[in-house]
Amino acid sequence: MSHDIKKNKLLKKFLGLFGYKILPKETVKTERLIESYTFSCSDLIKFLVNEKKIDQIIQVGANDGKSDDFLRNSINQDTKILLVEPIKSAFLELKKNYSDYNNVEFINKALDTKQGKKKIYSVNPDYYENYKKKYESNDVSWLTVLASFEKDHLTNHGIKINHIHSHDVDCITFNDLILQYNFDKLGLIVMDTEGYDSVLVKDFIENSKLRPVIIFEWIHMKKQIAENIINLLKVNNYEFIKIDKDLICFQHNSLFSKHIN
């Protein structure tokens, strides 16, 4: 038996101890093919926008408007949109990437449960070059996506602790955001806050009477936290669709619900 075969068998056994398995290359290729033909979050937003089911959208953690983002290519010039992004460099790129839209407001703040300043952690741009080889394309835009209130979130993604810097950001609450920008017809919230989604969803549901469609990342949540959020949403008449790493939450018997059931 060759050294490589022995090594692969040992790796499979090791991963198996933790409940993981290596998928065959053909399985991965097939999965990518199937995903290219299945319903996506972008399809959902296009449906809501085109069918005039929503008038207003808030995106929390908008980043640069391109990286790991399905909103920008799903909207039109009629829907009012608030884009919230706390990291200055990503915020400036965000404004550039939405320069053709006149229906968008940009907020260079973080969303939180109370107003004030809070420390946020991100990858120091001086070390971007160190992570280019992580992807074959040498793309480092994924690094700005990692910004988080928790330093561990970055180290868990392979960022060295001395490559992380922090600074204080201004925070705004959902209620103040809605009141300040007259978003009382909010139809959709798109959220990507690297593990903080559960806190913000809970805060929104408990402190607002609005019940829009909510899209948030479940992938960074521990099981108990995810279960608590789902139960809270169920009590508030929500149903769910999982698409990849996102959970689509919508009101039972809503116009959207009737179209998909």
C-alpha atoms as a PDB file:
ATOM      1  CA  MET A   1       0.000   0.000   0.000  1.00  0.00           C
ATOM      2  CA  SER A   2       1.428   3.387  -0.997  1.00  0.00           C
ATOM      3  CA  HIS A   3       2.245   6.102   1.505  1.00  0.00           C
ATOM      4  CA  ASP A   4      -0.464   8.425   0.057  1.00  0.00           C
ATOM      5  CA  ILE A   5      -3.195   5.775   0.371  1.00  0.00           C
ATOM      6  CA  LYS A   6      -2.207   5.066   3.978  1.00  0.00           C
ATOM      7  CA  LYS A   7      -2.194   8.801   4.709  1.00  0.00           C
ATOM      8  CA  ASN A   8      -5.684   9.264   3.204  1.00  0.00           C
ATOM      9  CA  LYS A   9      -7.088   6.358   5.203  1.00  0.00           C
ATOM     10  CA  LEU A  10      -5.648   7.739   8.428  1.00  0.00           C
ATOM     11  CA  LEU A  11      -7.067  11.190   7.621  1.00  0.00           C
ATOM     12  CA  LYS A  12     -10.538   9.715   6.988  1.00  0.00           C
ATOM     13  CA  LYS A  13     -10.417   7.805  10.288  1.00  0.00           C
ATOM     14  CA  PHE A  14      -9.286  10.902  12.166  1.00  0.00           C
ATOM     15  CA  LEU A  15     -12.039  13.075  10.686  1.00  0.00           C
ATOM     16  CA  GLY A  16     -14.539  10.300  11.362  1.00  0.00           C
ATOM     17  CA  LEU A  17     -13.853  10.562  15.094  1.00  0.00           C
ATOM     18  CA  PHE A  18     -15.295  14.086  14.948  1.00  0.00           C
ATOM     19  CA  GLY A  19     -18.248  13.203  12.735  1.00  0.00           C
ATOM     20  CA  TYR A  20     -16.738  14.514   9.496  1.00  0.00           C
ATOM     21  CA  LYS A  21     -16.137  12.733   6.220  1.00  0.00           C
ATOM     22  CA  ILE A  22     -14.304  13.533   2.997  1.00  0.00           C
ATOM     23  CA  LEU A  23     -16.685  13.751   0.057  1.00  0.00           C
ATOM     24  CA  PRO A  24     -15.577  12.273  -3.284  1.00  0.00           C
ATOM     25  CA  LYS A  25     -14.607  14.891  -5.875  1.00  0.00           C
ATOM     26  CA  GLU A  26     -17.482  13.789  -8.112  1.00  0.00           C
ATOM     27  CA  THR A  27     -19.953  14.327  -5.260  1.00  0.00           C
ATOM     28  CA  VAL A  28     -18.670  17.866  -4.757  1.00  0.00           C
ATOM     29  CA  LYS A  29     -18.910  18.579  -8.493  1.00  0.00           C
ATOM     30  CA  THR A  30     -22.466  17.208  -8.589  1.00  0.00           C
ATOM     31  CA  GLU A  31     -23.436  19.284  -5.570  1.00  0.00           C
ATOM     32  CA  ARG A  32     -22.184  22.443  -7.284  1.00  0.00           C
ATOM     33  CA  LEU A  33     -24.136  21.539 -10.430  1.00  0.00           C
ATOM     34  CA  ILE A  34     -27.362  20.941  -8.490  1.00  0.00           C
ATOM     35  CA  GLU A  35     -26.944  24.177  -6.538  1.00  0.00           C
ATOM     36  CA  SER A  36     -26.634  26.133  -9.793  1.00  0.00           C
ATOM     37  CA  TYR A  37     -30.191  25.079 -10.677  1.00  0.00           C
ATOM     38  CA  THR A  38     -31.854  25.433  -7.286  1.00  0.00           C
ATOM     39  CA  PHE A  39     -33.693  28.322  -5.649  1.00  0.00           C
ATOM     40  CA  SER A  40     -31.366  30.947  -4.144  1.00  0.00           C
ATOM     41  CA  CYS A  41     -31.668  33.910  -1.798  1.00  0.00           C
ATOM     42  CA  SER A  42     -31.175  36.144  -4.818  1.00  0.00           C
ATOM     43  CA  ASP A  43     -34.162  34.466  -6.526  1.00  0.00           C
ATOM     44  CA  LEU A  44     -36.247  35.097  -3.428  1.00  0.00           C
ATOM     45  CA  ILE A  45     -35.413  38.796  -3.291  1.00  0.00           C
ATOM     46  CA  LYS A  46     -36.038  39.213  -7.013  1.00  0.00           C
ATOM     47  CA  PHE A  47     -39.441  37.590  -6.550  1.00  0.00           C
ATOM     48  CA  LEU A  48     -40.352  39.864  -3.641  1.00  0.00           C
ATOM     49  CA  VAL A  49     -39.171  42.981  -5.482  1.00  0.00           C
ATOM     50  CA  ASN A  50     -40.713  42.163  -8.869  1.00  0.00           C
ATOM     51  CA  GLU A  51     -44.037  41.139  -7.353  1.00  0.00           C
ATOM     52  CA  LYS A  52     -44.015  44.365  -5.313  1.00  0.00           C
ATOM     53  CA  LYS A  53     -44.288  42.433  -2.055  1.00  0.00           C
ATOM     54  CA  ILE A  54     -41.825  44.737  -0.307  1.00  0.00           C
ATOM     55  CA  ASP A  55     -41.275  48.491  -0.282  1.00  0.00           C
ATOM     56  CA  GLN A  56     -38.277  48.773   2.019  1.00  0.00           C
ATOM     57  CA  ILE A  57     -35.163  46.671   2.703  1.00  0.00           C
ATOM     58  CA  ILE A  58     -32.502  46.891   5.412  1.00  0.00           C
ATOM     59  CA  GLN A  59     -29.213  45.040   4.930  1.00  0.00           C
ATOM     60  CA  VAL A  60     -27.092  44.671   8.064  1.00  0.00           C
ATOM     61  CA  GLY A  61     -23.416  43.927   7.475  1.00  0.00           C
ATOM     62  CA  ALA A  62     -23.507  45.047   3.847  1.00  0.00           C
ATOM     63  CA  ASN A  63     -19.698  44.914   3.563  1.00  0.00           C
ATOM     64  CA  ASP A  64     -18.586  46.151   0.100  1.00  0.00           C
ATOM     65  CA  GLY A  65     -21.847  45.251  -1.675  1.00  0.00           C
ATOM     66  CA  LYS A  66     -20.178  42.491  -3.718  1.00  0.00           C
ATOM     67  CA  SER A  67     -18.299  39.975  -1.578  1.00  0.00           C
ATOM     68  CA  ASP A  68     -20.538  37.116  -0.455  1.00  0.00           C
ATOM     69  CA  ASP A  69     -23.542  39.327  -1.251  1.00  0.00           C
ATOM     70  CA  PHE A  70     -26.777  38.406  -3.041  1.00  0.00           C
ATOM     71  CA  LEU A  71     -28.711  41.675  -2.636  1.00  0.00           C
ATOM     72  CA  ARG A  72     -27.188  44.108  -5.123  1.00  0.00           C
ATOM     73  CA  ASN A  73     -28.120  42.152  -8.269  1.00  0.00           C
ATOM     74  CA  SER A  74     -31.613  41.354  -6.985  1.00  0.00           C
ATOM     75  CA  ILE A  75     -33.091  44.831  -6.553  1.00  0.00           C
ATOM     76  CA  ASN A  76     -34.427  47.669  -8.681  1.00  0.00           C
ATOM     77  CA  GLN A  77     -34.572  51.449  -8.404  1.00  0.00           C
ATOM     78  CA  ASP A  78     -38.055  51.472  -6.819  1.00  0.00           C
ATOM     79  CA  THR A  79     -37.388  49.782  -3.489  1.00  0.00           C
ATOM     80  CA  LYS A  80     -36.011  51.932  -0.658  1.00  0.00           C
ATOM     81  CA  ILE A  81     -32.884  50.390   0.842  1.00  0.00           C
ATOM     82  CA  LEU A  82     -30.741  51.021   3.908  1.00  0.00           C
ATOM     83  CA  LEU A  83     -27.235  49.526   3.822  1.00  0.00           C
ATOM     84  CA  VAL A  84     -25.526  49.302   7.212  1.00  0.00           C
ATOM     85  CA  GLU A  85     -21.760  48.674   7.333  1.00  0.00           C
ATOM     86  CA  PRO A  86     -19.418  49.596  10.235  1.00  0.00           C
ATOM     87  CA  ILE A  87     -15.968  49.015   8.653  1.00  0.00           C
ATOM     88  CA  LYS A  88     -14.840  52.236   6.936  1.00  0.00           C
ATOM     89  CA  SER A  89     -12.834  50.660   4.090  1.00  0.00           C
ATOM     90  CA  ALA A  90     -15.689  48.298   3.186  1.00  0.00           C
ATOM     91  CA  PHE A  91     -18.185  51.157   3.548  1.00  0.00           C
ATOM     92  CA  LEU A  92     -16.343  53.293   0.991  1.00  0.00           C
ATOM     93  CA  GLU A  93     -16.308  50.392  -1.485  1.00  0.00           C
ATOM     94  CA  LEU A  94     -19.993  49.818  -0.756  1.00  0.00           C
ATOM     95  CA  LYS A  95     -20.856  53.353  -1.836  1.00  0.00           C
ATOM     96  CA  LYS A  96     -18.833  52.935  -5.033  1.00  0.00           C
ATOM     97  CA  ASN A  97     -20.538  49.662  -5.904  1.00  0.00           C
ATOM     98  CA  TYR A  98     -23.980  51.222  -5.441  1.00  0.00           C
ATOM     99  CA  SER A  99     -23.134  54.486  -7.205  1.00  0.00           C
ATOM    100  CA  ASP A 100     -25.714  53.780  -9.934  1.00  0.00           C
ATOM    101  CA  TYR A 101     -28.572  53.545  -7.424  1.00  0.00           C
ATOM    102  CA  ASN A 102     -30.452  56.613  -6.219  1.00  0.00           C
ATOM    103  CA  ASN A 103     -32.771  54.708  -3.877  1.00  0.00           C
ATOM    104  CA  VAL A 104     -30.118  53.677  -1.348  1.00  0.00           C
ATOM    105  CA  GLU A 105     -29.084  55.196   1.997  1.00  0.00           C
ATOM    106  CA  PHE A 106     -25.690  54.294   3.506  1.00  0.00           C
ATOM    107  CA  ILE A 107     -25.083  54.051   7.254  1.00  0.00           C
ATOM    108  CA  ASN A 108     -21.494  53.724   8.483  1.00  0.00           C
ATOM    109  CA  LYS A 109     -22.421  52.212  11.847  1.00  0.00           C
ATOM    110  CA  ALA A 110     -22.871  48.843  13.497  1.00  0.00           C
ATOM    111  CA  LEU A 111     -26.271  47.532  14.509  1.00  0.00           C
ATOM    112  CA  ASP A 112     -26.617  46.620  18.170  1.00  0.00           C
ATOM    113  CA  THR A 113     -29.138  46.370  20.994  1.00  0.00           C
ATOM    114  CA  LYS A 114     -28.273  49.850  22.258  1.00  0.00           C
ATOM    115  CA  GLN A 115     -26.689  53.033  20.973  1.00  0.00           C
ATOM    116  CA  GLY A 116     -23.147  54.033  21.807  1.00  0.00           C
ATOM    117  CA  LYS A 117     -19.652  52.863  20.861  1.00  0.00           C
ATOM    118  CA  LYS A 118     -18.427  49.300  20.762  1.00  0.00           C
ATOM    119  CA  LYS A 119     -15.134  47.592  19.914  1.00  0.00           C
ATOM    120  CA  ILE A 120     -15.092  45.664  16.634  1.00  0.00           C
ATOM    121  CA  TYR A 121     -12.342  43.371  15.373  1.00  0.00           C
ATOM    122  CA  SER A 122     -11.161  43.068  11.771  1.00  0.00           C
ATOM    123  CA  VAL A 123      -8.134  41.929   9.752  1.00  0.00           C
ATOM    124  CA  ASN A 124      -5.400  44.543   9.595  1.00  0.00           C
ATOM    125  CA  PRO A 125      -5.048  45.481   5.882  1.00  0.00           C
ATOM    126  CA  ASP A 126      -1.252  45.465   6.324  1.00  0.00           C
ATOM    127  CA  TYR A 127      -1.488  41.648   6.464  1.00  0.00           C
ATOM    128  CA  TYR A 128      -3.923  40.996   3.606  1.00  0.00           C
ATOM    129  CA  GLU A 129      -1.071  39.667   1.459  1.00  0.00           C
ATOM    130  CA  ASN A 130      -0.525  36.878   4.002  1.00  0.00           C
ATOM    131  CA  TYR A 131      -3.914  35.365   3.151  1.00  0.00           C
ATOM    132  CA  LYS A 132      -3.987  35.621  -0.642  1.00  0.00           C
ATOM    133  CA  LYS A 133      -3.044  31.980  -1.097  1.00  0.00           C
ATOM    134  CA  LYS A 134      -6.115  30.828   0.820  1.00  0.00           C
ATOM    135  CA  TYR A 135      -8.001  31.027  -2.478  1.00  0.00           C
ATOM    136  CA  GLU A 136      -6.596  30.314  -5.934  1.00  0.00           C
ATOM    137  CA  SER A 137      -7.936  33.628  -7.224  1.00  0.00           C
ATOM    138  CA  ASN A 138      -5.752  35.511  -4.716  1.00  0.00           C
ATOM    139  CA  ASP A 139      -8.920  37.371  -3.749  1.00  0.00           C
ATOM    140  CA  VAL A 140      -8.738  38.968  -0.297  1.00  0.00           C
ATOM    141  CA  SER A 141     -12.185  40.581  -0.271  1.00  0.00           C
ATOM    142  CA  TRP A 142     -13.370  37.775   2.046  1.00  0.00           C
ATOM    143  CA  LEU A 143     -11.195  39.263   4.791  1.00  0.00           C
ATOM    144  CA  THR A 144     -13.422  42.324   5.247  1.00  0.00           C
ATOM    145  CA  VAL A 145     -16.438  40.017   5.621  1.00  0.00           C
ATOM    146  CA  LEU A 146     -14.955  38.588   8.830  1.00  0.00           C
ATOM    147  CA  ALA A 147     -15.328  41.776  10.916  1.00  0.00           C
ATOM    148  CA  SER A 148     -16.943  40.871  14.228  1.00  0.00           C
ATOM    149  CA  PHE A 149     -17.543  41.961  17.798  1.00  0.00           C
ATOM    150  CA  GLU A 150     -15.792  38.706  18.814  1.00  0.00           C
ATOM    151  CA  LYS A 151     -12.037  38.338  18.219  1.00  0.00           C
ATOM    152  CA  ASP A 152     -12.377  34.547  18.344  1.00  0.00           C
ATOM    153  CA  HIS A 153     -14.490  34.647  15.192  1.00  0.00           C
ATOM    154  CA  LEU A 154     -11.456  35.796  13.214  1.00  0.00           C
ATOM    155  CA  THR A 155      -8.986  33.390  14.786  1.00  0.00           C
ATOM    156  CA  ASN A 156     -11.444  30.542  14.123  1.00  0.00           C
ATOM    157  CA  HIS A 157     -11.154  31.472  10.428  1.00  0.00           C
ATOM    158  CA  GLY A 158      -7.382  31.131  10.507  1.00  0.00           C
ATOM    159  CA  ILE A 159      -6.458  34.777  11.109  1.00  0.00           C
ATOM    160  CA  LYS A 160      -3.383  35.138  13.312  1.00  0.00           C
ATOM    161  CA  ILE A 161      -4.069  37.119  16.449  1.00  0.00           C
ATOM    162  CA  ASN A 162      -1.303  39.647  15.718  1.00  0.00           C
ATOM    163  CA  HIS A 163      -2.927  40.304  12.312  1.00  0.00           C
ATOM    164  CA  ILE A 164      -6.142  41.496  13.975  1.00  0.00           C
ATOM    165  CA  HIS A 165      -6.776  45.080  14.929  1.00  0.00           C
ATOM    166  CA  SER A 166      -9.690  46.698  16.698  1.00  0.00           C
ATOM    167  CA  HIS A 167     -11.367  50.072  16.874  1.00  0.00           C
ATOM    168  CA  ASP A 168     -14.517  51.587  18.293  1.00  0.00           C
ATOM    169  CA  VAL A 169     -17.552  51.939  16.033  1.00  0.00           C
ATOM    170  CA  ASP A 170     -20.781  53.887  16.483  1.00  0.00           C
ATOM    171  CA  CYS A 171     -23.794  51.654  17.065  1.00  0.00           C
ATOM    172  CA  ILE A 172     -27.464  52.170  16.255  1.00  0.00           C
ATOM    173  CA  THR A 173     -30.501  50.056  17.179  1.00  0.00           C
ATOM    174  CA  PHE A 174     -33.116  48.660  14.826  1.00  0.00           C
ATOM    175  CA  ASN A 175     -35.812  50.877  16.315  1.00  0.00           C
ATOM    176  CA  ASP A 176     -33.749  54.059  15.951  1.00  0.00           C
ATOM    177  CA  LEU A 177     -32.790  53.087  12.404  1.00  0.00           C
ATOM    178  CA  ILE A 178     -36.437  52.528  11.443  1.00  0.00           C
ATOM    179  CA  LEU A 179     -37.581  55.734  13.117  1.00  0.00           C
ATOM    180  CA  GLN A 180     -34.757  57.917  11.795  1.00  0.00           C
ATOM    181  CA  TYR A 181     -35.181  56.798   8.164  1.00  0.00           C
ATOM    182  CA  ASN A 182     -38.977  56.343   8.165  1.00  0.00           C
ATOM    183  CA  PHE A 183     -38.810  52.621   7.467  1.00  0.00           C
ATOM    184  CA  ASP A 184     -42.163  51.697   9.000  1.00  0.00           C
ATOM    185  CA  LYS A 185     -43.017  49.708   5.824  1.00  0.00           C
ATOM    186  CA  LEU A 186     -40.004  47.451   6.216  1.00  0.00           C
ATOM    187  CA  GLY A 187     -40.533  44.294   4.152  1.00  0.00           C
ATOM    188  CA  LEU A 188     -37.150  42.558   4.268  1.00  0.00           C
ATOM    189  CA  ILE A 189     -34.119  42.365   6.544  1.00  0.00           C
ATOM    190  CA  VAL A 190     -30.952  40.769   5.148  1.00  0.00           C
ATOM    191  CA  MET A 191     -28.409  40.084   7.865  1.00  0.00           C
ATOM    192  CA  ASP A 192     -24.796  38.895   7.849  1.00  0.00           C
ATOM    193  CA  THR A 193     -23.057  39.838  11.080  1.00  0.00           C
ATOM    194  CA  GLU A 194     -20.663  36.902  11.539  1.00  0.00           C
ATOM    195  CA  GLY A 195     -22.349  35.217  14.500  1.00  0.00           C
ATOM    196  CA  TYR A 196     -24.151  38.232  15.967  1.00  0.00           C
ATOM    197  CA  ASP A 197     -27.293  37.562  13.923  1.00  0.00           C
ATOM    198  CA  SER A 198     -29.046  35.742  16.776  1.00  0.00           C
ATOM    199  CA  VAL A 199     -28.684  38.746  19.099  1.00  0.00           C
ATOM    200  CA  LEU A 200     -30.042  41.162  16.495  1.00  0.00           C
ATOM    201  CA  VAL A 201     -32.960  38.959  15.416  1.00  0.00           C
ATOM    202  CA  LYS A 202     -33.995  38.502  19.046  1.00  0.00           C
ATOM    203  CA  ASP A 203     -33.749  42.227  19.708  1.00  0.00           C
ATOM    204  CA  PHE A 204     -35.796  43.071  16.605  1.00  0.00           C
ATOM    205  CA  ILE A 205     -38.603  40.594  17.307  1.00  0.00           C
ATOM    206  CA  GLU A 206     -38.877  41.580  20.969  1.00  0.00           C
ATOM    207  CA  ASN A 207     -38.807  45.331  20.396  1.00  0.00           C
ATOM    208  CA  SER A 208     -40.589  45.907  17.091  1.00  0.00           C
ATOM    209  CA  LYS A 209     -44.142  45.301  15.891  1.00  0.00           C
ATOM    210  CA  LEU A 210     -42.963  44.985  12.281  1.00  0.00           C
ATOM    211  CA  ARG A 211     -42.806  41.447  10.887  1.00  0.00           C
ATOM    212  CA  PRO A 212     -40.810  41.511   7.626  1.00  0.00           C
ATOM    213  CA  VAL A 213     -39.171  38.593   5.846  1.00  0.00           C
ATOM    214  CA  ILE A 214     -35.837  38.009   7.621  1.00  0.00           C
ATOM    215  CA  ILE A 215     -32.780  36.374   6.059  1.00  0.00           C
ATOM    216  CA  PHE A 216     -29.889  35.616   8.393  1.00  0.00           C
ATOM    217  CA  GLU A 217     -26.857  33.325   8.598  1.00  0.00           C
ATOM    218  CA  TRP A 218     -27.392  30.306  10.832  1.00  0.00           C
ATOM    219  CA  ILE A 219     -24.015  28.746  10.121  1.00  0.00           C
ATOM    220  CA  HIS A 220     -22.122  30.449  12.972  1.00  0.00           C
ATOM    221  CA  MET A 221     -24.755  29.679  15.634  1.00  0.00           C
ATOM    222  CA  LYS A 222     -24.480  26.980  18.269  1.00  0.00           C
ATOM    223  CA  LYS A 223     -27.398  24.534  18.338  1.00  0.00           C
ATOM    224  CA  GLN A 224     -29.001  25.879  21.514  1.00  0.00           C
ATOM    225  CA  ILE A 225     -28.826  29.498  20.331  1.00  0.00           C
ATOM    226  CA  ALA A 226     -30.306  28.573  16.950  1.00  0.00           C
ATOM    227  CA  GLU A 227     -33.079  26.609  18.662  1.00  0.00           C
ATOM    228  CA  ASN A 228     -33.939  29.574  20.896  1.00  0.00           C
ATOM    229  CA  ILE A 229     -34.144  31.958  17.916  1.00  0.00           C
ATOM    230  CA  ILE A 230     -36.263  29.556  15.870  1.00  0.00           C
ATOM    231  CA  ASN A 231     -38.657  29.044  18.791  1.00  0.00           C
ATOM    232  CA  LEU A 232     -38.954  32.817  19.255  1.00  0.00           C
ATOM    233  CA  LEU A 233     -39.736  33.254  15.558  1.00  0.00           C
ATOM    234  CA  LYS A 234     -42.242  30.353  15.596  1.00  0.00           C
ATOM    235  CA  VAL A 235     -44.105  31.962  18.493  1.00  0.00           C
ATOM    236  CA  ASN A 236     -44.299  35.079  16.305  1.00  0.00           C
ATOM    237  CA  ASN A 237     -45.917  33.146  13.451  1.00  0.00           C
ATOM    238  CA  TYR A 238     -42.819  32.607  11.295  1.00  0.00           C
ATOM    239  CA  GLU A 239     -42.074  29.743   8.902  1.00  0.00           C
ATOM    240  CA  PHE A 240     -38.663  28.800   7.531  1.00  0.00           C
ATOM    241  CA  ILE A 241     -36.711  27.803   4.437  1.00  0.00           C
ATOM    242  CA  LYS A 242     -33.006  26.938   4.621  1.00  0.00           C
ATOM    243  CA  ILE A 243     -30.891  27.926   1.615  1.00  0.00           C
ATOM    244  CA  ASP A 244     -27.226  27.013   2.058  1.00  0.00           C
ATOM    245  CA  LYS A 245     -25.893  28.966   5.056  1.00  0.00           C
ATOM    246  CA  ASP A 246     -28.930  31.279   5.277  1.00  0.00           C
ATOM    247  CA  LEU A 247     -32.312  30.838   6.945  1.00  0.00           C
ATOM    248  CA  ILE A 248     -35.312  32.515   5.276  1.00  0.00           C
ATOM    249  CA  CYS A 249     -37.965  33.472   7.847  1.00  0.00           C
ATOM    250  CA  PHE A 250     -41.422  34.610   6.731  1.00  0.00           C
ATOM    251  CA  GLN A 251     -44.843  35.064   8.293  1.00  0.00           C
ATOM    252  CA  HIS A 252     -47.324  32.203   8.039  1.00  0.00           C
ATOM    253  CA  ASN A 253     -50.214  33.105   5.688  1.00  0.00           C
ATOM    254  CA  SER A 254     -48.254  36.069   4.299  1.00  0.00           C
ATOM    255  CA  LEU A 255     -48.462  36.816   0.566  1.00  0.00           C
ATOM    256  CA  PHE A 256     -45.010  35.300   0.187  1.00  0.00           C
ATOM    257  CA  SER A 257     -46.062  32.183   2.121  1.00  0.00           C
ATOM    258  CA  LYS A 258     -49.119  31.666  -0.105  1.00  0.00           C
ATOM    259  CA  HIS A 259     -47.004  31.881  -3.261  1.00  0.00           C
ATOM    260  CA  ILE A 260     -44.558  29.164  -2.215  1.00  0.00           C
ATOM    261  CA  ASN A 261     -46.978  26.722  -0.543  1.00  0.00           C
END
